[in-house]
C-alpha atoms as a PDB file:
ATOM      1  CA  MET A   1       0.049  -0.170  -0.247  1.00  0.00           C
ATOM      2  CA  TYR A   2       1.245   3.171  -1.355  1.00  0.00           C
ATOM      3  CA  ILE A   3       0.967   5.687   1.821  1.00  0.00           C
ATOM      4  CA  GLU A   4       1.416   2.867   4.471  1.00  0.00           C
ATOM      5  CA  ALA A   5       4.698   2.342   2.577  1.00  0.00           C
ATOM      6  CA  ALA A   6       6.198   5.886   4.021  1.00  0.00           C
ATOM      7  CA  ARG A   7       5.772   4.432   7.676  1.00  0.00           C
ATOM      8  CA  PRO A   8       9.568   3.574   8.262  1.00  0.00           C
ATOM      9  CA  GLY A   9      11.372   6.351   8.853  1.00  0.00           C
ATOM     10  CA  LYS A  10      10.977   9.599  11.391  1.00  0.00           C
ATOM     11  CA  HIS A  11       7.716  10.963  11.555  1.00  0.00           C
ATOM     12  CA  THR A  12       8.524  13.358  14.308  1.00  0.00           C
ATOM     13  CA  PRO A  13       6.982  17.040  14.299  1.00  0.00           C
ATOM     14  CA  LEU A  14      10.132  17.665  14.642  1.00  0.00           C
ATOM     15  CA  SER A  15      11.103  16.453  11.034  1.00  0.00           C
ATOM     16  CA  TYR A  16       8.056  17.316   9.452  1.00  0.00           C
ATOM     17  CA  VAL A  17       8.926  20.679  10.674  1.00  0.00           C
ATOM     18  CA  LEU A  18      12.632  20.867   9.379  1.00  0.00           C
ATOM     19  CA  SER A  19      11.069  19.199   5.840  1.00  0.00           C
ATOM     20  CA  PHE A  20       8.512  22.112   5.438  1.00  0.00           C
ATOM     21  CA  LEU A  21      11.470  25.402   5.948  1.00  0.00           C
ATOM     22  CA  THR A  22      14.022  23.287   4.419  1.00  0.00           C
ATOM     23  CA  ILE A  23      11.056  23.050   1.221  1.00  0.00           C
ATOM     24  CA  LEU A  24      10.374  26.650   1.649  1.00  0.00           C
ATOM     25  CA  PHE A  25      13.890  28.163   1.817  1.00  0.00           C
ATOM     26  CA  ALA A  26      15.109  25.981  -0.846  1.00  0.00           C
ATOM     27  CA  MET A  27      12.159  27.154  -3.159  1.00  0.00           C
ATOM     28  CA  PHE A  28      11.835  30.553  -2.150  1.00  0.00           C
ATOM     29  CA  PHE A  29      15.272  31.977  -0.674  1.00  0.00           C
ATOM     30  CA  LEU A  30      17.561  29.607  -3.225  1.00  0.00           C
ATOM     31  CA  SER A  31      16.138  29.863  -6.396  1.00  0.00           C
ATOM     32  CA  THR A  32      15.552  33.870  -5.956  1.00  0.00           C
ATOM     33  CA  ILE A  33      19.534  33.621  -5.980  1.00  0.00           C
ATOM     34  CA  VAL A  34      19.654  31.379  -8.487  1.00  0.00           C
ATOM     35  CA  VAL A  35      17.282  34.074 -10.677  1.00  0.00           C
ATOM     36  CA  LEU A  36      18.780  36.891  -9.660  1.00  0.00           C
ATOM     37  CA  ALA A  37      22.994  35.535 -10.786  1.00  0.00           C
ATOM     38  CA  ILE A  38      21.086  34.455 -14.241  1.00  0.00           C
ATOM     39  CA  LEU A  39      19.789  38.089 -14.525  1.00  0.00           C
ATOM     40  CA  GLY A  40      22.665  39.386 -13.472  1.00  0.00           C
ATOM     41  CA  ILE A  41      24.511  37.441 -15.954  1.00  0.00           C
ATOM     42  CA  HIS A  42      22.035  38.287 -18.586  1.00  0.00           C
ATOM     43  CA  ASN A  43      22.601  41.760 -18.225  1.00  0.00           C
ATOM     44  CA  ALA A  44      26.119  41.783 -18.142  1.00  0.00           C
ATOM     45  CA  LEU A  45      25.889  39.982 -21.460  1.00  0.00           C
ATOM     46  CA  ARG A  46      23.687  42.048 -22.750  1.00  0.00           C
ATOM     47  CA  PRO A  47      24.883  43.805 -26.316  1.00  0.00           C
ATOM     48  CA  ASP A  48      22.915  47.034 -25.692  1.00  0.00           C
ATOM     49  CA  GLY A  49      24.189  47.669 -22.639  1.00  0.00           C
ATOM     50  CA  GLU A  50      21.182  48.123 -21.293  1.00  0.00           C
ATOM     51  CA  PHE A  51      20.224  46.765 -17.665  1.00  0.00           C
ATOM     52  CA  GLY A  52      16.909  44.735 -17.293  1.00  0.00           C
ATOM     53  CA  VAL A  53      15.593  44.148 -14.441  1.00  0.00           C
ATOM     54  CA  GLY A  54      11.659  42.576 -15.480  1.00  0.00           C
ATOM     55  CA  VAL A  55      11.265  38.875 -15.282  1.00  0.00           C
ATOM     56  CA  ASN A  56       9.102  38.606 -18.502  1.00  0.00           C
ATOM     57  CA  PRO A  57       9.998  37.373 -22.061  1.00  0.00           C
ATOM     58  CA  ASP A  58      10.810  40.772 -23.800  1.00  0.00           C
ATOM     59  CA  ASN A  59      13.759  41.344 -21.221  1.00  0.00           C
ATOM     60  CA  LEU A  60      15.393  38.006 -21.038  1.00  0.00           C
ATOM     61  CA  GLY A  61      13.773  36.615 -24.585  1.00  0.00           C
ATOM     62  CA  GLU A  62      11.467  33.198 -24.650  1.00  0.00           C
ATOM     63  CA  LYS A  63      13.936  30.051 -23.656  1.00  0.00           C
ATOM     64  CA  LEU A  64      15.597  32.137 -21.110  1.00  0.00           C
ATOM     65  CA  TYR A  65      12.682  33.602 -19.895  1.00  0.00           C
ATOM     66  CA  LEU A  66      10.990  29.448 -19.379  1.00  0.00           C
ATOM     67  CA  ILE A  67      14.186  28.578 -18.185  1.00  0.00           C
ATOM     68  CA  VAL A  68      13.976  31.123 -14.480  1.00  0.00           C
ATOM     69  CA  LEU A  69       9.674  30.220 -14.532  1.00  0.00           C
ATOM     70  CA  LEU A  70      10.836  26.145 -13.804  1.00  0.00           C
ATOM     71  CA  VAL A  71      14.176  27.198 -11.514  1.00  0.00           C
ATOM     72  CA  PRO A  72      12.619  26.737  -8.662  1.00  0.00           C
ATOM     73  CA  PHE A  73      10.846  23.497  -9.069  1.00  0.00           C
ATOM     74  CA  VAL A  74      14.228  21.604  -9.745  1.00  0.00           C
ATOM     75  CA  LEU A  75      15.437  22.930  -6.383  1.00  0.00           C
ATOM     76  CA  TRP A  76      11.426  21.682  -4.967  1.00  0.00           C
ATOM     77  CA  PHE A  77      12.443  18.438  -6.573  1.00  0.00           C
ATOM     78  CA  PHE A  78      15.957  17.635  -5.018  1.00  0.00           C
ATOM     79  CA  THR A  79      15.234  18.875  -1.970  1.00  0.00           C
ATOM     80  CA  GLN A  80      12.515  16.458  -1.398  1.00  0.00           C
ATOM     81  CA  LEU A  81      14.411  14.358  -2.350  1.00  0.00           C
ATOM     82  CA  GLY A  82      16.579  15.096   0.248  1.00  0.00           C
ATOM     83  CA  VAL A  83      14.596  15.910   3.138  1.00  0.00           C
ATOM     84  CA  VAL A  84      12.947  12.253   2.805  1.00  0.00           C
ATOM     85  CA  LYS A  85      16.036  10.681   3.032  1.00  0.00           C
ATOM     86  CA  TRP A  86      17.883  12.256   5.794  1.00  0.00           C
ATOM     87  CA  LEU A  87      15.303  14.063   7.762  1.00  0.00           C
ATOM     88  CA  HIS A  88      12.467  11.523   7.777  1.00  0.00           C
ATOM     89  CA  GLN A  89      15.369   8.761   6.640  1.00  0.00           C
ATOM     90  CA  ARG A  90      13.081   7.202   4.229  1.00  0.00           C
ATOM     91  CA  THR A  91      14.329   5.334   1.111  1.00  0.00           C
ATOM     92  CA  ILE A  92      13.618   7.939  -1.657  1.00  0.00           C
ATOM     93  CA  ARG A  93      11.947   4.673  -3.591  1.00  0.00           C
ATOM     94  CA  SER A  94       9.135   4.799  -0.887  1.00  0.00           C
ATOM     95  CA  LEU A  95       8.395   8.543  -2.030  1.00  0.00           C
ATOM     96  CA  PHE A  96       8.144   7.074  -5.367  1.00  0.00           C
ATOM     97  CA  THR A  97       5.834   3.432  -5.070  1.00  0.00           C
ATOM     98  CA  ALA A  98       5.508   0.896  -2.765  1.00  0.00           C
ATOM     99  CA  ARG A  99       6.904  -1.472  -5.266  1.00  0.00           C
ATOM    100  CA  GLY A 100       9.952  -2.496  -5.309  1.00  0.00           C
ATOM    101  CA  ARG A 101      11.459  -1.056  -7.949  1.00  0.00           C
ATOM    102  CA  ILE A 102       9.910   2.667  -9.874  1.00  0.00           C
ATOM    103  CA  ASP A 103       8.199   0.772 -12.973  1.00  0.00           C
ATOM    104  CA  TRP A 104       9.034   3.000 -15.899  1.00  0.00           C
ATOM    105  CA  SER A 105       6.932   1.378 -18.098  1.00  0.00           C
ATOM    106  CA  ARG A 106       3.668   2.566 -15.964  1.00  0.00           C
ATOM    107  CA  ILE A 107       4.966   6.525 -16.123  1.00  0.00           C
ATOM    108  CA  GLY A 108       5.691   5.837 -20.005  1.00  0.00           C
ATOM    109  CA  LEU A 109       1.939   4.238 -21.078  1.00  0.00           C
ATOM    110  CA  ALA A 110       0.521   6.971 -18.898  1.00  0.00           C
ATOM    111  CA  PHE A 111       2.238   9.707 -20.366  1.00  0.00           C
ATOM    112  CA  ALA A 112       1.335   7.998 -23.985  1.00  0.00           C
ATOM    113  CA  VAL A 113      -1.965   7.467 -23.067  1.00  0.00           C
ATOM    114  CA  TRP A 114      -2.843  11.114 -21.798  1.00  0.00           C
ATOM    115  CA  PHE A 115      -0.625  12.591 -24.664  1.00  0.00           C
ATOM    116  CA  PHE A 116      -2.974  10.989 -27.290  1.00  0.00           C
ATOM    117  CA  LEU A 117      -6.018  11.882 -25.389  1.00  0.00           C
ATOM    118  CA  SER A 118      -5.642  15.323 -25.361  1.00  0.00           C
ATOM    119  CA  LEU A 119      -4.566  15.175 -29.389  1.00  0.00           C
ATOM    120  CA  GLY A 120      -7.608  13.528 -29.542  1.00  0.00           C
ATOM    121  CA  MET A 121      -9.291  16.161 -28.175  1.00  0.00           C
ATOM    122  CA  ASP A 122      -7.635  18.767 -29.999  1.00  0.00           C
ATOM    123  CA  ALA A 123      -8.043  16.995 -32.887  1.00  0.00           C
ATOM    124  CA  ILE A 124     -12.325  17.376 -32.144  1.00  0.00           C
ATOM    125  CA  SER A 125     -12.171  20.866 -31.717  1.00  0.00           C
ATOM    126  CA  TYR A 126     -10.486  21.794 -34.608  1.00  0.00           C
ATOM    127  CA  TRP A 127     -12.439  20.216 -36.909  1.00  0.00           C
ATOM    128  CA  SER A 128     -15.436  21.522 -35.460  1.00  0.00           C
ATOM    129  CA  ASP A 129     -13.465  25.142 -35.410  1.00  0.00           C
ATOM    130  CA  PRO A 130     -10.438  25.235 -37.378  1.00  0.00           C
ATOM    131  CA  GLY A 131      -9.713  29.121 -37.208  1.00  0.00           C
ATOM    132  CA  ASN A 132      -9.123  29.025 -33.923  1.00  0.00           C
ATOM    133  CA  TYR A 133      -6.046  26.883 -34.420  1.00  0.00           C
ATOM    134  CA  VAL A 134      -3.104  29.031 -35.665  1.00  0.00           C
ATOM    135  CA  PHE A 135      -0.019  27.020 -36.879  1.00  0.00           C
ATOM    136  CA  GLN A 136       3.278  29.186 -35.762  1.00  0.00           C
ATOM    137  CA  PHE A 137       5.781  26.066 -36.333  1.00  0.00           C
ATOM    138  CA  ASP A 138       9.142  27.606 -36.218  1.00  0.00           C
ATOM    139  CA  LEU A 139      12.112  25.348 -36.473  1.00  0.00           C
ATOM    140  CA  GLU A 140      14.445  27.732 -35.412  1.00  0.00           C
ATOM    141  CA  ARG A 141      12.953  28.423 -32.343  1.00  0.00           C
ATOM    142  CA  PHE A 142      10.799  24.905 -31.582  1.00  0.00           C
ATOM    143  CA  ILE A 143      14.305  22.980 -31.289  1.00  0.00           C
ATOM    144  CA  PRO A 144      15.754  25.069 -28.616  1.00  0.00           C
ATOM    145  CA  MET A 145      12.014  24.978 -27.178  1.00  0.00           C
ATOM    146  CA  PHE A 146      11.793  21.265 -27.373  1.00  0.00           C
ATOM    147  CA  ILE A 147      15.409  20.746 -25.624  1.00  0.00           C
ATOM    148  CA  ILE A 148      14.397  23.119 -22.758  1.00  0.00           C
ATOM    149  CA  ALA A 149      11.123  21.715 -22.006  1.00  0.00           C
ATOM    150  CA  VAL A 150      11.654  17.725 -22.196  1.00  0.00           C
ATOM    151  CA  LEU A 151      14.218  18.525 -19.850  1.00  0.00           C
ATOM    152  CA  LEU A 152      12.724  20.575 -17.305  1.00  0.00           C
ATOM    153  CA  PHE A 153       8.922  20.046 -17.529  1.00  0.00           C
ATOM    154  CA  PRO A 154       9.742  16.328 -16.265  1.00  0.00           C
ATOM    155  CA  ILE A 155      11.229  17.646 -13.369  1.00  0.00           C
ATOM    156  CA  GLN A 156       8.358  20.948 -12.521  1.00  0.00           C
ATOM    157  CA  THR A 157       5.566  17.770 -12.952  1.00  0.00           C
ATOM    158  CA  SER A 158       7.558  15.508 -11.036  1.00  0.00           C
ATOM    159  CA  ALA A 159       7.973  18.151  -7.878  1.00  0.00           C
ATOM    160  CA  GLU A 160       4.433  18.539  -8.026  1.00  0.00           C
ATOM    161  CA  GLU A 161       3.609  15.033  -7.978  1.00  0.00           C
ATOM    162  CA  LEU A 162       5.969  14.327  -5.551  1.00  0.00           C
ATOM    163  CA  PHE A 163       4.818  17.071  -3.202  1.00  0.00           C
ATOM    164  CA  PHE A 164       0.767  16.766  -3.574  1.00  0.00           C
ATOM    165  CA  ARG A 165       0.364  12.941  -3.842  1.00  0.00           C
ATOM    166  CA  GLY A 166       3.198  11.769  -2.786  1.00  0.00           C
ATOM    167  CA  TYR A 167       4.674  13.703   0.470  1.00  0.00           C
ATOM    168  CA  LEU A 168       1.208  14.859   1.166  1.00  0.00           C
ATOM    169  CA  LEU A 169      -0.407  12.661   0.510  1.00  0.00           C
ATOM    170  CA  GLN A 170       1.321   9.902   2.938  1.00  0.00           C
ATOM    171  CA  SER A 171       1.778  12.033   5.385  1.00  0.00           C
ATOM    172  CA  VAL A 172      -1.533  13.593   5.698  1.00  0.00           C
ATOM    173  CA  GLY A 173      -2.723   9.773   5.438  1.00  0.00           C
ATOM    174  CA  LEU A 174      -0.837   8.291   8.291  1.00  0.00           C
ATOM    175  CA  LEU A 175      -2.005  10.964  10.357  1.00  0.00           C
ATOM    176  CA  ALA A 176      -5.684  10.893   9.035  1.00  0.00           C
ATOM    177  CA  LYS A 177      -5.681   7.413   9.029  1.00  0.00           C
ATOM    178  CA  TYR A 178      -8.807   6.829   6.083  1.00  0.00           C
ATOM    179  CA  ARG A 179      -7.518   7.238   2.619  1.00  0.00           C
ATOM    180  CA  TRP A 180     -10.011   9.618   1.741  1.00  0.00           C
ATOM    181  CA  ILE A 181      -8.918  12.531   3.771  1.00  0.00           C
ATOM    182  CA  PRO A 182      -5.677  13.203   2.315  1.00  0.00           C
ATOM    183  CA  LEU A 183      -7.455  12.390  -1.283  1.00  0.00           C
ATOM    184  CA  VAL A 184      -9.396  15.411  -0.613  1.00  0.00           C
ATOM    185  CA  PHE A 185      -6.766  17.349   1.206  1.00  0.00           C
ATOM    186  CA  THR A 186      -3.942  17.231  -1.135  1.00  0.00           C
ATOM    187  CA  SER A 187      -7.220  17.988  -4.088  1.00  0.00           C
ATOM    188  CA  ALA A 188      -8.011  21.093  -2.962  1.00  0.00           C
ATOM    189  CA  LEU A 189      -4.394  22.269  -1.496  1.00  0.00           C
ATOM    190  CA  PHE A 190      -3.678  21.626  -5.398  1.00  0.00           C
ATOM    191  CA  ALA A 191      -6.699  23.977  -6.367  1.00  0.00           C
ATOM    192  CA  ALA A 192      -5.326  26.693  -4.132  1.00  0.00           C
ATOM    193  CA  MET A 193      -1.739  26.524  -5.253  1.00  0.00           C
ATOM    194  CA  HIS A 194      -2.960  26.647  -8.337  1.00  0.00           C
ATOM    195  CA  GLY A 195      -4.981  30.221  -8.029  1.00  0.00           C
ATOM    196  CA  LEU A 196      -2.413  33.105  -9.078  1.00  0.00           C
ATOM    197  CA  ASN A 197      -2.263  31.381 -12.389  1.00  0.00           C
ATOM    198  CA  PRO A 198      -3.147  33.676 -15.269  1.00  0.00           C
ATOM    199  CA  GLU A 199      -5.889  31.379 -16.246  1.00  0.00           C
ATOM    200  CA  VAL A 200      -8.111  31.925 -13.082  1.00  0.00           C
ATOM    201  CA  SER A 201      -8.503  35.717 -14.176  1.00  0.00           C
ATOM    202  CA  ALA A 202      -9.385  35.259 -17.811  1.00  0.00           C
ATOM    203  CA  TYR A 203     -12.139  32.186 -17.097  1.00  0.00           C
ATOM    204  CA  GLY A 204     -13.080  32.622 -13.612  1.00  0.00           C
ATOM    205  CA  THR A 205     -11.893  31.344 -10.215  1.00  0.00           C
ATOM    206  CA  GLY A 206     -14.827  29.033  -9.776  1.00  0.00           C
ATOM    207  CA  TYR A 207     -14.634  27.182 -12.969  1.00  0.00           C
ATOM    208  CA  MET A 208     -10.242  27.250 -12.735  1.00  0.00           C
ATOM    209  CA  MET A 209     -10.583  26.065  -9.017  1.00  0.00           C
ATOM    210  CA  SER A 210     -13.337  23.566  -9.802  1.00  0.00           C
ATOM    211  CA  TYR A 211     -10.682  22.207 -12.882  1.00  0.00           C
ATOM    212  CA  TYR A 212      -7.507  22.141 -10.505  1.00  0.00           C
ATOM    213  CA  PHE A 213      -9.504  20.290  -7.617  1.00  0.00           C
ATOM    214  CA  GLY A 214     -11.066  17.681 -10.159  1.00  0.00           C
ATOM    215  CA  VAL A 215      -7.243  17.074 -11.742  1.00  0.00           C
ATOM    216  CA  GLY A 216      -5.935  16.557  -8.013  1.00  0.00           C
ATOM    217  CA  VAL A 217      -8.706  14.206  -7.416  1.00  0.00           C
ATOM    218  CA  THR A 218      -8.061  11.951 -10.307  1.00  0.00           C
ATOM    219  CA  LEU A 219      -4.174  12.086  -9.416  1.00  0.00           C
ATOM    220  CA  ALA A 220      -4.994  10.770  -6.097  1.00  0.00           C
ATOM    221  CA  VAL A 221      -7.689   8.053  -7.177  1.00  0.00           C
ATOM    222  CA  ILE A 222      -5.047   6.468  -9.813  1.00  0.00           C
ATOM    223  CA  THR A 223      -1.904   6.706  -7.295  1.00  0.00           C
ATOM    224  CA  ILE A 224      -3.553   5.567  -4.134  1.00  0.00           C
ATOM    225  CA  MET A 225      -5.453   2.756  -6.182  1.00  0.00           C
ATOM    226  CA  ASP A 226      -2.334   1.962  -7.918  1.00  0.00           C
ATOM    227  CA  ASP A 227      -0.024   1.965  -5.100  1.00  0.00           C
ATOM    228  CA  GLY A 228       2.537   4.439  -6.644  1.00  0.00           C
ATOM    229  CA  LEU A 229       3.250   7.822  -8.081  1.00  0.00           C
ATOM    230  CA  GLU A 230       3.959   6.699 -10.967  1.00  0.00           C
ATOM    231  CA  LEU A 231       0.515   6.807 -13.392  1.00  0.00           C
ATOM    232  CA  ALA A 232       0.425  10.071 -12.212  1.00  0.00           C
ATOM    233  CA  LEU A 233       3.550  11.106 -13.190  1.00  0.00           C
ATOM    234  CA  GLY A 234       3.129  10.138 -16.381  1.00  0.00           C
ATOM    235  CA  TYR A 235      -0.066  11.906 -17.037  1.00  0.00           C
ATOM    236  CA  HIS A 236       1.052  15.614 -15.719  1.00  0.00           C
ATOM    237  CA  ALA A 237       4.460  15.195 -17.821  1.00  0.00           C
ATOM    238  CA  ALA A 238       2.235  14.699 -20.730  1.00  0.00           C
ATOM    239  CA  ASN A 239      -0.367  17.613 -20.077  1.00  0.00           C
ATOM    240  CA  ASN A 240       2.725  20.173 -19.616  1.00  0.00           C
ATOM    241  CA  LEU A 241       4.474  19.427 -22.557  1.00  0.00           C
ATOM    242  CA  TYR A 242       1.726  18.850 -24.817  1.00  0.00           C
ATOM    243  CA  GLY A 243       0.148  22.585 -23.836  1.00  0.00           C
ATOM    244  CA  ALA A 244       3.954  23.802 -24.110  1.00  0.00           C
ATOM    245  CA  LEU A 245       5.000  21.986 -27.493  1.00  0.00           C
ATOM    246  CA  ILE A 246       1.852  21.133 -29.089  1.00  0.00           C
ATOM    247  CA  VAL A 247      -0.819  23.379 -28.542  1.00  0.00           C
ATOM    248  CA  SER A 248      -1.193  25.916 -26.253  1.00  0.00           C
ATOM    249  CA  PRO A 249      -4.349  27.284 -25.125  1.00  0.00           C
ATOM    250  CA  PRO A 250      -4.876  31.067 -24.464  1.00  0.00           C
ATOM    251  CA  ASP A 251      -3.799  32.899 -21.187  1.00  0.00           C
ATOM    252  CA  SER A 252      -1.290  30.247 -20.458  1.00  0.00           C
ATOM    253  CA  ALA A 253       0.657  30.306 -16.787  1.00  0.00           C
ATOM    254  CA  ILE A 254       3.855  29.823 -19.368  1.00  0.00           C
ATOM    255  CA  GLU A 255       3.729  30.769 -23.278  1.00  0.00           C
ATOM    256  CA  THR A 256       6.079  28.966 -25.219  1.00  0.00           C
ATOM    257  CA  SER A 257       6.925  28.368 -29.222  1.00  0.00           C
ATOM    258  CA  SER A 258       4.370  25.530 -29.489  1.00  0.00           C
ATOM    259  CA  VAL A 259       3.249  24.072 -32.936  1.00  0.00           C
ATOM    260  CA  PHE A 260      -0.148  25.754 -32.821  1.00  0.00           C
ATOM    261  CA  ALA A 261      -1.933  28.169 -30.797  1.00  0.00           C
ATOM    262  CA  MET A 262      -5.410  28.523 -30.006  1.00  0.00           C
ATOM    263  CA  GLN A 263      -7.075  31.885 -30.199  1.00  0.00           C
ATOM    264  CA  SER A 264      -9.444  31.550 -27.812  1.00  0.00           C
ATOM    265  CA  ALA A 265     -10.835  29.221 -25.349  1.00  0.00           C
ATOM    266  CA  ASP A 266     -14.718  27.582 -25.285  1.00  0.00           C
ATOM    267  CA  LYS A 267     -14.205  27.112 -21.216  1.00  0.00           C
ATOM    268  CA  PHE A 268     -17.678  24.927 -21.528  1.00  0.00           C
ATOM    269  CA  TRP A 269     -15.841  22.868 -24.283  1.00  0.00           C
ATOM    270  CA  MET A 270     -12.713  22.325 -22.568  1.00  0.00           C
ATOM    271  CA  MET A 271     -14.005  21.339 -19.239  1.00  0.00           C
ATOM    272  CA  ALA A 272     -16.046  18.805 -20.895  1.00  0.00           C
ATOM    273  CA  ALA A 273     -13.540  17.604 -23.072  1.00  0.00           C
ATOM    274  CA  TRP A 274     -11.240  17.227 -19.762  1.00  0.00           C
ATOM    275  CA  VAL A 275     -13.620  15.551 -17.910  1.00  0.00           C
ATOM    276  CA  PHE A 276     -14.068  12.944 -20.749  1.00  0.00           C
ATOM    277  CA  GLY A 277     -10.310  11.790 -20.878  1.00  0.00           C
ATOM    278  CA  ALA A 278      -9.920  11.957 -17.297  1.00  0.00           C
ATOM    279  CA  ILE A 279     -13.195   9.477 -17.259  1.00  0.00           C
ATOM    280  CA  ALA A 280     -11.380   7.851 -20.272  1.00  0.00           C
ATOM    281  CA  PHE A 281      -7.876   7.847 -18.794  1.00  0.00           C
ATOM    282  CA  VAL A 282      -8.891   6.303 -15.641  1.00  0.00           C
ATOM    283  CA  ALA A 283     -11.054   3.347 -16.592  1.00  0.00           C
ATOM    284  CA  PHE A 284      -8.417   2.810 -18.660  1.00  0.00           C
ATOM    285  CA  CYS A 285      -5.740   2.538 -15.996  1.00  0.00           C
ATOM    286  CA  TRP A 286      -8.366   0.644 -13.989  1.00  0.00           C
ATOM    287  CA  ASN A 287      -8.809  -1.695 -16.165  1.00  0.00           C
ATOM    288  CA  TYR A 288      -5.354  -2.426 -17.475  1.00  0.00           C
ATOM    289  CA  TYR A 289      -4.245  -2.556 -14.195  1.00  0.00           C
ATOM    290  CA  GLU A 290      -6.842  -4.721 -12.677  1.00  0.00           C
ATOM    291  CA  TRP A 291      -7.623  -2.789  -9.749  1.00  0.00           C
ATOM    292  CA  GLY A 292     -10.533  -4.125  -8.424  1.00  0.00           C
ATOM    293  CA  SER A 293     -13.404  -2.427  -5.768  1.00  0.00           C
ATOM    294  CA  ALA A 294     -13.050   1.651  -5.650  1.00  0.00           C
ATOM    295  CA  GLU A 295     -13.380   0.512  -1.863  1.00  0.00           C
ATOM    296  CA  LYS A 296      -9.860   1.142  -1.340  1.00  0.00           C
ATOM    297  CA  LEU A 297     -10.095   4.981  -1.879  1.00  0.00           C
ATOM    298  CA  VAL A 298     -12.398   5.272   1.856  1.00  0.00           C
ATOM    299  CA  GLN A 299     -11.053   2.562   3.238  1.00  0.00           C
ATOM    300  CA  ALA A 300      -8.937   2.984   6.753  1.00  0.00           C
ATOM    301  CA  ILE A 301      -4.725   2.572   6.268  1.00  0.00           C
ATOM    302  CA  GLU A 302      -3.503  -0.290   7.593  1.00  0.00           C
ATOM    303  CA  GLU A 303      -1.955   0.130  10.864  1.00  0.00           C
ATOM    304  CA  GLU A 304      -0.042  -2.748  10.948  1.00  0.00           C
ATOM    305  CA  PRO A 305       3.767  -1.676  10.103  1.00  0.00           C
ATOM    306  CA  MET A 306       5.591  -2.477   7.417  1.00  0.00           C
ATOM    307  CA  SER A 307       8.095  -5.818   7.323  1.00  0.00           C
ATOM    308  CA  GLY A 308      11.783  -4.682   7.912  1.00  0.00           C
ATOM    309  CA  SER A 309      13.367  -1.542   9.400  1.00  0.00           C
ATOM    310  CA  SER A 310      13.618   1.394   7.154  1.00  0.00           C
ATOM    311  CA  ASP A 311      17.908   0.088   7.647  1.00  0.00           C
ATOM    312  CA  ASP A 312      16.793  -3.272   5.854  1.00  0.00           C
ATOM    313  CA  GLN A 313      14.829  -1.315   2.959  1.00  0.00           C
ATOM    314  CA  ALA A 314      17.640   1.208   2.491  1.00  0.00           C
ATOM    315  CA  ALA A 315      20.344  -1.506   1.941  1.00  0.00           C
ATOM    316  CA  ALA A 316      18.007  -3.983  -0.080  1.00  0.00           C
ATOM    317  CA  ASP A 317      16.601  -1.075  -2.537  1.00  0.00           C
ATOM    318  CA  PRO A 318      19.540   0.462  -4.973  1.00  0.00           C
ATOM    319  CA  LEU A 319      17.355   4.158  -5.148  1.00  0.00           C
ATOM    320  CA  LEU A 320      18.480   5.446  -1.865  1.00  0.00           C
END
């Protein structure tokens, strides 16, 4: 069981306080230092000699701007691995999965399924309103953006998954004793985290919060049912890479040189398409991995400690 996989290790109040403080320090203080260093180097190398301080595409260019936006997530990702390993004295593997090893095939399959579902939904949208899609492919701009996106977006999405469907889901689950409580709590927090995205002001708070909460619930459900983060990691990476490289919606939090750009968005169609896609995705995973009864989502978390100490697991696990 995935939540129970977090039980071996240190779970004192101090360990959690230090973990959250360390994560916040890395995300806000260290990332600010790195961003300021990037801005300083960029300004020093400007051929016009002008000093520009704004973190925007006009000042930095779209490639460097994207890197600056994603730097905090890189620090967040590696900091979480560190706090789990050293502050909680758990194996890093236990943050990813309850299985003996991370199942990379699950990540790949989830990525492929959600990517092609997104492609199919956009194909239907294009067929109904082709004028809403602008072909803007520029090979010279696309290649460097592709490289940056492929390198950094999986880290960005993994950082979010490790925190919400990983660290928080497991920690709150061990405290709350029932699986549905961390499912709802982490989904609500996931929605709140995205509350400042430009899409919220563009499409409305109620609409976007419902969408973000729905995404959080979907990812929490597949994580609990599958006893691991792998499917959520694949879904989230596919979702963000698709929006960055294939079809970028208007008012996106991150603007990139995608192949197509949508001129406008019908939010009711977008919600309906996402609901259909999410149901299809979960149904596929449910059938393919033979999860069985959904009662697991509301069952009490097992009280019995897992066999073997955390030191024994660390010794047997190559991913420390």
